[in-house]
Amino acid sequence: GMLGSSATVMVVNPSVKAASAKELVALLKTAPDKTSYASAGNGTAPHFAAEMFKLSTGTSMLHVPYKGSAPAITDTLAGQTQVMFPSLFTAVPYVKAGKLKALGVAGTKRSALMPDVPTLQEQGIADVDVSQWYGIFAPAKTPAPIVAQLNKVLNEVLADKSVIKRLEDHGAEVSTMTPEQMRAYVAQEQVKWKKVVQAARISAD
């Protein structure tokens, strides 16, 4: 089943001389390949979001893949890499502490946690709409009645107001699905991201 989703946000190290996504685009065009972006690894949402940004703006950045979000954001905080597209869930504490600058939300609406941060679309950067979703999966041959029971319990937990508030306080939005809806959603996501992989010529290396 589905737990929920969190919008992706473009953040930069405070040393980057850009106060908006549009200013970053201008900076990247004056000094191509001088800026690197961190991702949680090849094929992850931060990787795809950055590649969509590059395609949409005609800019270039060096990709530095890490083994997970934690080391990626650690090096962005330290300035080893300059740009990252983490989830709001990951980014909010660092943005509020002034350790990272949020330049734009890669979604259709602003975040209630950072209402002053415009979307990339508001800044004239289209086609960068990336939500990082969280689901729970069982082994492939788990009997259908067990899957149904797990899904029922999961959705009951996600209906708890205290659980909803805790997730929302960290930038995630709760949403639930049946196992059938989840399978269809995953298949839809595979089609969507296959197109991005082909357009950006992303390889597994």
N, C-alpha and C. Protein backbone atom coordinates (compact mmCIF):
# COMPACT_ATOMS: atom_id res chain seq x y z
N GLY A 1 0.81 -1.20 0.00
CA GLY A 1 0.00 0.00 0.00
C GLY A 1 0.84 1.25 0.00
N MET A 2 0.16 2.37 -0.15
CA MET A 2 0.82 3.68 -0.17
C MET A 2 0.77 4.32 1.21
N LEU A 3 1.88 4.97 1.57
CA LEU A 3 1.92 5.75 2.81
C LEU A 3 1.58 7.22 2.54
N GLY A 4 2.20 7.75 1.50
CA GLY A 4 1.98 9.15 1.17
C GLY A 4 3.10 9.65 0.29
N SER A 5 3.18 10.94 0.14
CA SER A 5 4.19 11.52 -0.75
C SER A 5 4.70 12.84 -0.18
N SER A 6 5.84 13.25 -0.70
CA SER A 6 6.45 14.52 -0.29
C SER A 6 6.99 15.20 -1.54
N ALA A 7 6.68 16.47 -1.68
CA ALA A 7 7.18 17.21 -2.84
C ALA A 7 8.70 17.28 -2.80
N THR A 8 9.29 17.43 -3.96
CA THR A 8 10.73 17.60 -4.07
C THR A 8 11.05 19.10 -4.11
N VAL A 9 12.12 19.49 -3.47
CA VAL A 9 12.48 20.91 -3.44
C VAL A 9 13.94 21.08 -3.87
N MET A 10 14.18 22.11 -4.66
CA MET A 10 15.55 22.41 -5.08
C MET A 10 16.22 23.22 -3.99
N VAL A 11 17.33 22.71 -3.47
CA VAL A 11 18.09 23.43 -2.45
C VAL A 11 19.53 23.61 -2.91
N VAL A 12 20.17 24.62 -2.38
CA VAL A 12 21.58 24.85 -2.69
C VAL A 12 22.33 25.16 -1.41
N ASN A 13 23.62 24.96 -1.45
CA ASN A 13 24.48 25.37 -0.35
C ASN A 13 24.43 26.89 -0.24
N PRO A 14 24.44 27.46 0.96
CA PRO A 14 24.35 28.92 1.12
C PRO A 14 25.42 29.71 0.37
N SER A 15 26.52 29.05 0.01
CA SER A 15 27.58 29.76 -0.70
C SER A 15 27.23 30.05 -2.16
N VAL A 16 26.21 29.38 -2.69
CA VAL A 16 25.81 29.59 -4.08
C VAL A 16 25.16 30.97 -4.22
N LYS A 17 25.65 31.75 -5.16
CA LYS A 17 25.18 33.14 -5.34
C LYS A 17 23.91 33.18 -6.19
N ALA A 18 22.86 32.56 -5.67
CA ALA A 18 21.57 32.57 -6.35
C ALA A 18 20.48 32.56 -5.30
N ALA A 19 19.51 33.45 -5.45
CA ALA A 19 18.42 33.54 -4.48
C ALA A 19 17.12 32.95 -5.02
N SER A 20 17.17 32.48 -6.27
CA SER A 20 15.99 31.87 -6.89
C SER A 20 16.45 30.86 -7.93
N ALA A 21 15.52 30.05 -8.38
CA ALA A 21 15.87 29.07 -9.41
C ALA A 21 16.26 29.77 -10.71
N LYS A 22 15.59 30.89 -11.02
CA LYS A 22 15.92 31.63 -12.24
C LYS A 22 17.35 32.18 -12.17
N GLU A 23 17.75 32.64 -10.99
CA GLU A 23 19.12 33.15 -10.84
C GLU A 23 20.13 32.01 -10.96
N LEU A 24 19.75 30.82 -10.47
CA LEU A 24 20.64 29.69 -10.60
C LEU A 24 20.81 29.31 -12.07
N VAL A 25 19.73 29.35 -12.82
CA VAL A 25 19.80 29.04 -14.26
C VAL A 25 20.78 29.99 -14.94
N ALA A 26 20.68 31.28 -14.63
CA ALA A 26 21.59 32.27 -15.22
C ALA A 26 23.03 31.97 -14.83
N LEU A 27 23.23 31.58 -13.58
CA LEU A 27 24.58 31.26 -13.09
C LEU A 27 25.14 30.04 -13.82
N LEU A 28 24.31 29.02 -14.01
CA LEU A 28 24.74 27.80 -14.68
C LEU A 28 25.09 28.06 -16.14
N LYS A 29 24.37 28.98 -16.76
CA LYS A 29 24.63 29.26 -18.17
C LYS A 29 25.89 30.09 -18.38
N THR A 30 26.26 30.88 -17.37
CA THR A 30 27.49 31.66 -17.50
C THR A 30 28.72 30.82 -17.16
N ALA A 31 28.53 29.77 -16.36
CA ALA A 31 29.66 28.91 -15.97
C ALA A 31 29.23 27.44 -16.05
N PRO A 32 29.05 26.92 -17.27
CA PRO A 32 28.61 25.53 -17.42
C PRO A 32 29.61 24.54 -16.85
N ASP A 33 29.08 23.48 -16.27
CA ASP A 33 29.88 22.39 -15.71
C ASP A 33 30.76 22.79 -14.54
N LYS A 34 30.48 23.93 -13.92
CA LYS A 34 31.22 24.34 -12.73
C LYS A 34 30.46 24.00 -11.45
N THR A 35 29.25 23.52 -11.62
CA THR A 35 28.39 23.22 -10.47
C THR A 35 28.03 21.75 -10.46
N SER A 36 28.03 21.14 -9.29
CA SER A 36 27.69 19.72 -9.17
C SER A 36 26.43 19.56 -8.32
N TYR A 37 25.66 18.53 -8.63
CA TYR A 37 24.48 18.25 -7.83
C TYR A 37 24.59 16.85 -7.25
N ALA A 38 24.08 16.71 -6.03
CA ALA A 38 24.11 15.42 -5.34
C ALA A 38 22.78 14.70 -5.51
N SER A 39 22.85 13.37 -5.59
CA SER A 39 21.62 12.58 -5.59
C SER A 39 21.79 11.42 -4.63
N ALA A 40 20.68 10.77 -4.34
CA ALA A 40 20.72 9.59 -3.45
C ALA A 40 21.14 8.34 -4.20
N GLY A 41 21.55 8.51 -5.45
CA GLY A 41 22.00 7.38 -6.27
C GLY A 41 21.36 7.43 -7.63
N ASN A 42 21.92 6.69 -8.58
CA ASN A 42 21.36 6.62 -9.92
C ASN A 42 19.94 6.08 -9.90
N GLY A 43 19.04 6.77 -10.60
CA GLY A 43 17.67 6.30 -10.68
C GLY A 43 16.78 6.72 -9.53
N THR A 44 17.28 7.53 -8.61
CA THR A 44 16.46 8.00 -7.49
C THR A 44 15.74 9.29 -7.88
N ALA A 45 14.74 9.67 -7.08
CA ALA A 45 13.97 10.88 -7.37
C ALA A 45 14.84 12.14 -7.44
N PRO A 46 15.80 12.34 -6.51
CA PRO A 46 16.66 13.53 -6.63
C PRO A 46 17.47 13.55 -7.94
N HIS A 47 17.87 12.37 -8.41
CA HIS A 47 18.60 12.27 -9.67
C HIS A 47 17.70 12.68 -10.84
N PHE A 48 16.51 12.09 -10.90
CA PHE A 48 15.60 12.37 -12.00
C PHE A 48 15.13 13.83 -11.99
N ALA A 49 14.88 14.38 -10.80
CA ALA A 49 14.43 15.77 -10.71
C ALA A 49 15.49 16.71 -11.27
N ALA A 50 16.75 16.47 -10.93
CA ALA A 50 17.84 17.32 -11.43
C ALA A 50 17.97 17.20 -12.94
N GLU A 51 17.81 15.99 -13.46
CA GLU A 51 17.92 15.80 -14.91
C GLU A 51 16.75 16.46 -15.63
N MET A 52 15.55 16.41 -15.03
CA MET A 52 14.41 17.11 -15.62
C MET A 52 14.65 18.62 -15.62
N PHE A 53 15.24 19.12 -14.54
CA PHE A 53 15.57 20.54 -14.45
C PHE A 53 16.56 20.93 -15.55
N LYS A 54 17.58 20.12 -15.74
CA LYS A 54 18.57 20.39 -16.79
C LYS A 54 17.93 20.40 -18.18
N LEU A 55 17.06 19.41 -18.43
CA LEU A 55 16.39 19.33 -19.73
C LEU A 55 15.49 20.55 -19.96
N SER A 56 14.77 20.95 -18.91
CA SER A 56 13.82 22.06 -19.04
C SER A 56 14.51 23.40 -19.22
N THR A 57 15.69 23.57 -18.62
CA THR A 57 16.38 24.86 -18.64
C THR A 57 17.55 24.93 -19.61
N GLY A 58 17.93 23.80 -20.18
CA GLY A 58 19.07 23.79 -21.10
C GLY A 58 20.39 24.07 -20.40
N THR A 59 20.48 23.64 -19.15
CA THR A 59 21.70 23.87 -18.36
C THR A 59 22.47 22.56 -18.16
N SER A 60 23.62 22.69 -17.57
CA SER A 60 24.47 21.53 -17.33
C SER A 60 25.02 21.55 -15.92
N MET A 61 24.97 20.40 -15.25
CA MET A 61 25.57 20.25 -13.93
C MET A 61 26.19 18.85 -13.86
N LEU A 62 27.22 18.72 -13.06
CA LEU A 62 27.87 17.43 -12.87
C LEU A 62 27.10 16.62 -11.83
N HIS A 63 26.77 15.37 -12.16
CA HIS A 63 26.03 14.51 -11.24
C HIS A 63 27.00 13.76 -10.33
N VAL A 64 26.75 13.86 -9.02
CA VAL A 64 27.53 13.12 -8.04
C VAL A 64 26.57 12.20 -7.28
N PRO A 65 26.52 10.91 -7.64
CA PRO A 65 25.59 10.00 -6.96
C PRO A 65 26.16 9.48 -5.63
N TYR A 66 25.29 9.37 -4.65
CA TYR A 66 25.69 8.83 -3.34
C TYR A 66 24.87 7.59 -3.03
N LYS A 67 25.23 6.91 -1.99
CA LYS A 67 24.50 5.72 -1.57
C LYS A 67 23.46 6.12 -0.51
N GLY A 68 22.44 6.88 -0.96
CA GLY A 68 21.39 7.31 -0.06
C GLY A 68 21.35 8.82 0.10
N SER A 69 20.23 9.30 0.66
CA SER A 69 20.04 10.74 0.83
C SER A 69 20.94 11.34 1.91
N ALA A 70 21.21 10.56 2.97
CA ALA A 70 21.99 11.10 4.09
C ALA A 70 23.37 11.59 3.67
N PRO A 71 24.19 10.76 3.01
CA PRO A 71 25.51 11.27 2.59
C PRO A 71 25.42 12.35 1.53
N ALA A 72 24.36 12.30 0.69
CA ALA A 72 24.20 13.31 -0.36
C ALA A 72 23.93 14.68 0.25
N ILE A 73 23.03 14.73 1.20
CA ILE A 73 22.71 16.03 1.80
C ILE A 73 23.84 16.49 2.72
N THR A 74 24.57 15.55 3.31
CA THR A 74 25.71 15.92 4.15
C THR A 74 26.76 16.66 3.34
N ASP A 75 27.05 16.16 2.14
CA ASP A 75 28.05 16.83 1.30
C ASP A 75 27.53 18.13 0.70
N THR A 76 26.22 18.23 0.51
CA THR A 76 25.65 19.50 0.05
C THR A 76 25.73 20.54 1.16
N LEU A 77 25.49 20.11 2.38
CA LEU A 77 25.64 21.01 3.53
C LEU A 77 27.08 21.50 3.66
N ALA A 78 28.02 20.60 3.35
CA ALA A 78 29.44 20.94 3.49
C ALA A 78 29.98 21.71 2.30
N GLY A 79 29.20 21.77 1.20
CA GLY A 79 29.66 22.49 0.02
C GLY A 79 30.47 21.65 -0.94
N GLN A 80 30.59 20.35 -0.68
CA GLN A 80 31.29 19.47 -1.62
C GLN A 80 30.50 19.37 -2.92
N THR A 81 29.18 19.38 -2.79
CA THR A 81 28.28 19.53 -3.93
C THR A 81 27.44 20.77 -3.65
N GLN A 82 26.91 21.37 -4.69
CA GLN A 82 26.25 22.67 -4.49
C GLN A 82 24.72 22.61 -4.55
N VAL A 83 24.18 21.64 -5.27
CA VAL A 83 22.74 21.58 -5.52
C VAL A 83 22.20 20.20 -5.19
N MET A 84 20.94 20.14 -4.74
CA MET A 84 20.29 18.85 -4.52
C MET A 84 18.78 19.03 -4.63
N PHE A 85 18.09 17.95 -4.95
CA PHE A 85 16.63 17.94 -5.02
C PHE A 85 16.09 16.91 -4.03
N PRO A 86 16.22 17.16 -2.73
CA PRO A 86 15.69 16.22 -1.73
C PRO A 86 14.18 16.39 -1.58
N SER A 87 13.57 15.49 -0.85
CA SER A 87 12.15 15.65 -0.52
C SER A 87 12.03 16.73 0.54
N LEU A 88 10.83 17.31 0.64
CA LEU A 88 10.57 18.27 1.72
C LEU A 88 10.83 17.63 3.07
N PHE A 89 10.46 16.36 3.17
CA PHE A 89 10.65 15.59 4.41
C PHE A 89 12.10 15.67 4.87
N THR A 90 13.03 15.56 3.90
CA THR A 90 14.46 15.60 4.20
C THR A 90 14.98 17.03 4.36
N ALA A 91 14.48 17.94 3.53
CA ALA A 91 15.08 19.28 3.44
C ALA A 91 14.64 20.27 4.50
N VAL A 92 13.38 20.20 4.94
CA VAL A 92 12.81 21.23 5.80
C VAL A 92 13.66 21.59 7.02
N PRO A 93 14.16 20.62 7.80
CA PRO A 93 14.95 20.99 8.98
C PRO A 93 16.18 21.83 8.64
N TYR A 94 16.85 21.51 7.53
CA TYR A 94 18.06 22.22 7.15
C TYR A 94 17.75 23.60 6.59
N VAL A 95 16.64 23.73 5.87
CA VAL A 95 16.23 25.03 5.33
C VAL A 95 15.84 25.96 6.47
N LYS A 96 15.07 25.45 7.42
CA LYS A 96 14.64 26.27 8.56
C LYS A 96 15.82 26.70 9.43
N ALA A 97 16.88 25.87 9.46
CA ALA A 97 18.06 26.20 10.25
C ALA A 97 19.02 27.10 9.49
N GLY A 98 18.71 27.42 8.24
CA GLY A 98 19.56 28.28 7.44
C GLY A 98 20.80 27.59 6.88
N LYS A 99 20.82 26.26 6.95
CA LYS A 99 21.98 25.52 6.46
C LYS A 99 21.90 25.22 4.97
N LEU A 100 20.70 25.32 4.40
CA LEU A 100 20.49 25.19 2.97
C LEU A 100 19.53 26.27 2.52
N LYS A 101 19.63 26.70 1.26
CA LYS A 101 18.69 27.65 0.69
C LYS A 101 17.73 26.90 -0.23
N ALA A 102 16.43 27.11 -0.04
CA ALA A 102 15.42 26.51 -0.91
C ALA A 102 15.12 27.49 -2.04
N LEU A 103 15.31 27.04 -3.29
CA LEU A 103 15.10 27.93 -4.44
C LEU A 103 13.77 27.70 -5.14
N GLY A 104 13.20 26.52 -4.97
CA GLY A 104 11.94 26.27 -5.66
C GLY A 104 11.40 24.88 -5.36
N VAL A 105 10.08 24.78 -5.33
CA VAL A 105 9.42 23.50 -5.12
C VAL A 105 9.15 22.86 -6.48
N ALA A 106 9.57 21.62 -6.64
CA ALA A 106 9.38 20.91 -7.91
C ALA A 106 8.03 20.21 -7.91
N GLY A 107 6.98 21.01 -7.84
CA GLY A 107 5.63 20.47 -7.81
C GLY A 107 4.64 21.50 -8.29
N THR A 108 3.36 21.19 -8.17
CA THR A 108 2.31 22.06 -8.70
C THR A 108 1.86 23.13 -7.69
N LYS A 109 2.27 22.99 -6.44
CA LYS A 109 1.85 23.96 -5.43
C LYS A 109 2.94 24.18 -4.40
N ARG A 110 2.89 25.33 -3.74
CA ARG A 110 3.85 25.64 -2.69
C ARG A 110 3.59 24.76 -1.47
N SER A 111 4.60 24.65 -0.64
CA SER A 111 4.47 23.87 0.59
C SER A 111 3.98 24.76 1.73
N ALA A 112 3.07 24.24 2.53
CA ALA A 112 2.59 24.99 3.69
C ALA A 112 3.71 25.19 4.70
N LEU A 113 4.75 24.35 4.64
CA LEU A 113 5.87 24.48 5.57
C LEU A 113 6.85 25.57 5.13
N MET A 114 6.83 25.87 3.82
CA MET A 114 7.71 26.92 3.29
C MET A 114 6.91 27.76 2.29
N PRO A 115 5.90 28.49 2.77
CA PRO A 115 5.00 29.21 1.86
C PRO A 115 5.66 30.30 1.03
N ASP A 116 6.82 30.77 1.48
CA ASP A 116 7.50 31.84 0.74
C ASP A 116 8.36 31.31 -0.41
N VAL A 117 8.50 29.99 -0.50
CA VAL A 117 9.31 29.39 -1.57
C VAL A 117 8.40 29.09 -2.76
N PRO A 118 8.60 29.76 -3.90
CA PRO A 118 7.74 29.53 -5.06
C PRO A 118 8.03 28.18 -5.73
N THR A 119 7.09 27.73 -6.52
CA THR A 119 7.33 26.52 -7.30
C THR A 119 8.26 26.88 -8.46
N LEU A 120 8.84 25.87 -9.05
CA LEU A 120 9.67 26.11 -10.24
C LEU A 120 8.80 26.61 -11.38
N GLN A 121 7.56 26.10 -11.46
CA GLN A 121 6.65 26.54 -12.51
C GLN A 121 6.38 28.04 -12.40
N GLU A 122 6.23 28.54 -11.18
CA GLU A 122 6.01 29.98 -10.98
C GLU A 122 7.20 30.80 -11.48
N GLN A 123 8.36 30.18 -11.52
CA GLN A 123 9.57 30.88 -11.96
C GLN A 123 9.87 30.64 -13.44
N GLY A 124 8.88 30.07 -14.14
CA GLY A 124 9.01 29.88 -15.58
C GLY A 124 9.73 28.61 -15.99
N ILE A 125 9.91 27.70 -15.04
CA ILE A 125 10.60 26.43 -15.33
C ILE A 125 9.55 25.33 -15.32
N ALA A 126 9.19 24.86 -16.50
CA ALA A 126 8.11 23.88 -16.63
C ALA A 126 8.64 22.46 -16.60
N ASP A 127 7.72 21.51 -16.48
CA ASP A 127 8.01 20.08 -16.63
C ASP A 127 8.93 19.50 -15.56
N VAL A 128 9.01 20.13 -14.40
CA VAL A 128 9.79 19.56 -13.30
C VAL A 128 8.82 19.35 -12.13
N ASP A 129 8.08 18.28 -12.21
CA ASP A 129 7.07 17.96 -11.20
C ASP A 129 7.40 16.58 -10.63
N VAL A 130 8.05 16.57 -9.48
CA VAL A 130 8.54 15.31 -8.91
C VAL A 130 8.09 15.17 -7.46
N SER A 131 7.26 14.18 -7.20
CA SER A 131 6.89 13.84 -5.83
C SER A 131 7.61 12.56 -5.44
N GLN A 132 8.11 12.54 -4.23
CA GLN A 132 8.75 11.32 -3.73
C GLN A 132 7.73 10.59 -2.87
N TRP A 133 7.32 9.43 -3.33
CA TRP A 133 6.27 8.70 -2.62
C TRP A 133 6.86 7.53 -1.84
N TYR A 134 6.10 7.14 -0.83
CA TYR A 134 6.57 6.10 0.08
C TYR A 134 5.51 4.99 0.15
N GLY A 135 5.94 3.77 -0.13
CA GLY A 135 5.01 2.65 -0.10
C GLY A 135 5.58 1.50 0.70
N ILE A 136 4.72 0.55 0.99
CA ILE A 136 5.14 -0.67 1.68
C ILE A 136 4.86 -1.86 0.76
N PHE A 137 5.87 -2.71 0.62
CA PHE A 137 5.77 -3.84 -0.29
C PHE A 137 6.00 -5.15 0.46
N ALA A 138 5.42 -6.22 -0.06
CA ALA A 138 5.62 -7.57 0.49
C ALA A 138 6.32 -8.42 -0.57
N PRO A 139 6.93 -9.53 -0.19
CA PRO A 139 7.54 -10.41 -1.17
C PRO A 139 6.55 -10.80 -2.27
N ALA A 140 7.06 -11.05 -3.45
CA ALA A 140 6.22 -11.24 -4.64
C ALA A 140 5.13 -12.31 -4.51
N LYS A 141 5.41 -13.38 -3.82
CA LYS A 141 4.44 -14.48 -3.78
C LYS A 141 3.64 -14.52 -2.48
N THR A 142 3.57 -13.39 -1.78
CA THR A 142 2.76 -13.33 -0.56
C THR A 142 1.29 -13.57 -0.94
N PRO A 143 0.60 -14.47 -0.25
CA PRO A 143 -0.81 -14.77 -0.58
C PRO A 143 -1.68 -13.51 -0.52
N ALA A 144 -2.62 -13.41 -1.45
CA ALA A 144 -3.49 -12.24 -1.56
C ALA A 144 -4.24 -11.91 -0.27
N PRO A 145 -4.76 -12.91 0.48
CA PRO A 145 -5.46 -12.57 1.73
C PRO A 145 -4.56 -11.87 2.75
N ILE A 146 -3.27 -12.25 2.78
CA ILE A 146 -2.33 -11.61 3.72
C ILE A 146 -2.04 -10.18 3.27
N VAL A 147 -1.86 -10.00 1.96
CA VAL A 147 -1.64 -8.66 1.43
C VAL A 147 -2.83 -7.76 1.76
N ALA A 148 -4.04 -8.29 1.59
CA ALA A 148 -5.25 -7.52 1.86
C ALA A 148 -5.34 -7.13 3.33
N GLN A 149 -4.97 -8.06 4.21
CA GLN A 149 -5.03 -7.77 5.64
C GLN A 149 -3.99 -6.73 6.04
N LEU A 150 -2.79 -6.83 5.50
CA LEU A 150 -1.74 -5.84 5.78
C LEU A 150 -2.17 -4.46 5.28
N ASN A 151 -2.77 -4.43 4.10
CA ASN A 151 -3.23 -3.17 3.53
C ASN A 151 -4.33 -2.54 4.41
N LYS A 152 -5.22 -3.38 4.92
CA LYS A 152 -6.30 -2.89 5.78
C LYS A 152 -5.75 -2.25 7.05
N VAL A 153 -4.79 -2.93 7.69
CA VAL A 153 -4.19 -2.41 8.92
C VAL A 153 -3.40 -1.12 8.64
N LEU A 154 -2.64 -1.12 7.54
CA LEU A 154 -1.87 0.07 7.17
C LEU A 154 -2.78 1.28 7.00
N ASN A 155 -3.90 1.09 6.28
CA ASN A 155 -4.80 2.21 6.02
C ASN A 155 -5.52 2.67 7.28
N GLU A 156 -5.73 1.77 8.21
CA GLU A 156 -6.31 2.16 9.50
C GLU A 156 -5.34 3.04 10.28
N VAL A 157 -4.06 2.68 10.26
CA VAL A 157 -3.03 3.48 10.94
C VAL A 157 -2.95 4.87 10.31
N LEU A 158 -3.03 4.92 8.99
CA LEU A 158 -2.90 6.19 8.28
C LEU A 158 -4.14 7.08 8.40
N ALA A 159 -5.20 6.54 8.98
CA ALA A 159 -6.40 7.34 9.25
C ALA A 159 -6.33 8.03 10.61
N ASP A 160 -5.33 7.66 11.40
CA ASP A 160 -5.15 8.23 12.74
C ASP A 160 -4.69 9.68 12.62
N LYS A 161 -5.41 10.60 13.22
CA LYS A 161 -5.10 12.03 13.10
C LYS A 161 -3.72 12.39 13.60
N SER A 162 -3.25 11.69 14.64
CA SER A 162 -1.92 11.99 15.17
C SER A 162 -0.83 11.56 14.19
N VAL A 163 -1.07 10.45 13.48
CA VAL A 163 -0.11 9.98 12.47
C VAL A 163 -0.09 10.96 11.30
N ILE A 164 -1.29 11.38 10.88
CA ILE A 164 -1.39 12.33 9.77
C ILE A 164 -0.64 13.63 10.11
N LYS A 165 -0.87 14.15 11.31
CA LYS A 165 -0.21 15.40 11.71
C LYS A 165 1.30 15.25 11.77
N ARG A 166 1.76 14.12 12.31
CA ARG A 166 3.21 13.92 12.42
C ARG A 166 3.87 13.90 11.05
N LEU A 167 3.24 13.26 10.09
CA LEU A 167 3.79 13.21 8.74
C LEU A 167 3.71 14.59 8.07
N GLU A 168 2.59 15.28 8.25
CA GLU A 168 2.44 16.60 7.64
C GLU A 168 3.43 17.59 8.22
N ASP A 169 3.73 17.48 9.50
CA ASP A 169 4.70 18.37 10.14
C ASP A 169 6.09 18.23 9.55
N HIS A 170 6.33 17.10 8.89
CA HIS A 170 7.64 16.85 8.27
C HIS A 170 7.59 16.99 6.76
N GLY A 171 6.48 17.52 6.23
CA GLY A 171 6.42 17.80 4.80
C GLY A 171 5.86 16.69 3.95
N ALA A 172 5.28 15.67 4.56
CA ALA A 172 4.70 14.57 3.79
C ALA A 172 3.18 14.64 3.84
N GLU A 173 2.54 14.21 2.77
CA GLU A 173 1.09 14.21 2.68
C GLU A 173 0.60 12.77 2.63
N VAL A 174 -0.26 12.40 3.55
CA VAL A 174 -0.75 11.02 3.62
C VAL A 174 -1.71 10.73 2.47
N SER A 175 -1.54 9.58 1.86
CA SER A 175 -2.51 9.09 0.87
C SER A 175 -2.49 7.57 0.94
N THR A 176 -3.63 6.97 0.73
CA THR A 176 -3.74 5.51 0.82
C THR A 176 -4.23 4.93 -0.49
N MET A 177 -3.91 3.65 -0.69
CA MET A 177 -4.33 2.93 -1.89
C MET A 177 -4.62 1.48 -1.54
N THR A 178 -5.43 0.85 -2.36
CA THR A 178 -5.60 -0.59 -2.27
C THR A 178 -4.38 -1.24 -2.94
N PRO A 179 -4.14 -2.54 -2.71
CA PRO A 179 -3.02 -3.20 -3.40
C PRO A 179 -3.13 -3.07 -4.92
N GLU A 180 -4.35 -3.16 -5.43
CA GLU A 180 -4.55 -3.06 -6.88
C GLU A 180 -4.20 -1.66 -7.39
N GLN A 181 -4.61 -0.65 -6.66
CA GLN A 181 -4.29 0.73 -7.04
C GLN A 181 -2.79 0.97 -6.97
N MET A 182 -2.14 0.38 -5.98
CA MET A 182 -0.70 0.56 -5.83
C MET A 182 0.05 -0.07 -7.00
N ARG A 183 -0.38 -1.27 -7.40
CA ARG A 183 0.26 -1.92 -8.55
C ARG A 183 0.12 -1.07 -9.81
N ALA A 184 -1.08 -0.52 -10.02
CA ALA A 184 -1.31 0.30 -11.20
C ALA A 184 -0.48 1.58 -11.15
N TYR A 185 -0.34 2.15 -9.96
CA TYR A 185 0.43 3.39 -9.79
C TYR A 185 1.91 3.14 -10.10
N VAL A 186 2.44 2.03 -9.59
CA VAL A 186 3.85 1.70 -9.83
C VAL A 186 4.09 1.50 -11.33
N ALA A 187 3.17 0.83 -12.00
CA ALA A 187 3.31 0.62 -13.45
C ALA A 187 3.30 1.95 -14.20
N GLN A 188 2.44 2.87 -13.76
CA GLN A 188 2.36 4.20 -14.36
C GLN A 188 3.66 4.98 -14.14
N GLU A 189 4.22 4.88 -12.95
CA GLU A 189 5.48 5.56 -12.64
C GLU A 189 6.63 5.01 -13.49
N GLN A 190 6.63 3.71 -13.73
CA GLN A 190 7.69 3.12 -14.54
C GLN A 190 7.67 3.66 -15.96
N VAL A 191 6.47 3.84 -16.51
CA VAL A 191 6.34 4.40 -17.86
C VAL A 191 6.82 5.84 -17.88
N LYS A 192 6.38 6.61 -16.88
CA LYS A 192 6.76 8.03 -16.79
C LYS A 192 8.27 8.21 -16.74
N TRP A 193 8.93 7.47 -15.85
CA TRP A 193 10.36 7.68 -15.66
C TRP A 193 11.21 7.05 -16.74
N LYS A 194 10.67 6.07 -17.43
CA LYS A 194 11.39 5.49 -18.57
C LYS A 194 11.60 6.57 -19.64
N LYS A 195 10.58 7.41 -19.83
CA LYS A 195 10.68 8.50 -20.81
C LYS A 195 11.76 9.50 -20.41
N VAL A 196 11.84 9.80 -19.11
CA VAL A 196 12.87 10.74 -18.62
C VAL A 196 14.26 10.14 -18.80
N VAL A 197 14.40 8.87 -18.49
CA VAL A 197 15.69 8.18 -18.64
C VAL A 197 16.15 8.25 -20.09
N GLN A 198 15.23 8.02 -21.01
CA GLN A 198 15.59 8.05 -22.43
C GLN A 198 15.92 9.47 -22.89
N ALA A 199 15.13 10.45 -22.47
CA ALA A 199 15.36 11.83 -22.90
C ALA A 199 16.68 12.38 -22.36
N ALA A 200 17.00 12.02 -21.12
CA ALA A 200 18.23 12.51 -20.48
C ALA A 200 19.43 11.59 -20.73
N ARG A 201 19.17 10.49 -21.40
CA ARG A 201 20.23 9.51 -21.71
C ARG A 201 20.94 9.05 -20.44
N ILE A 202 20.12 8.71 -19.46
CA ILE A 202 20.66 8.24 -18.19
C ILE A 202 21.00 6.76 -18.28
N SER A 203 22.19 6.40 -17.81
CA SER A 203 22.59 4.99 -17.78
C SER A 203 22.72 4.54 -16.34
N ALA A 204 22.86 3.25 -16.17
CA ALA A 204 22.97 2.68 -14.81
C ALA A 204 24.37 2.86 -14.23
N ASP A 205 25.32 3.29 -15.03
CA ASP A 205 26.71 3.43 -14.58
C ASP A 205 26.89 4.67 -13.70
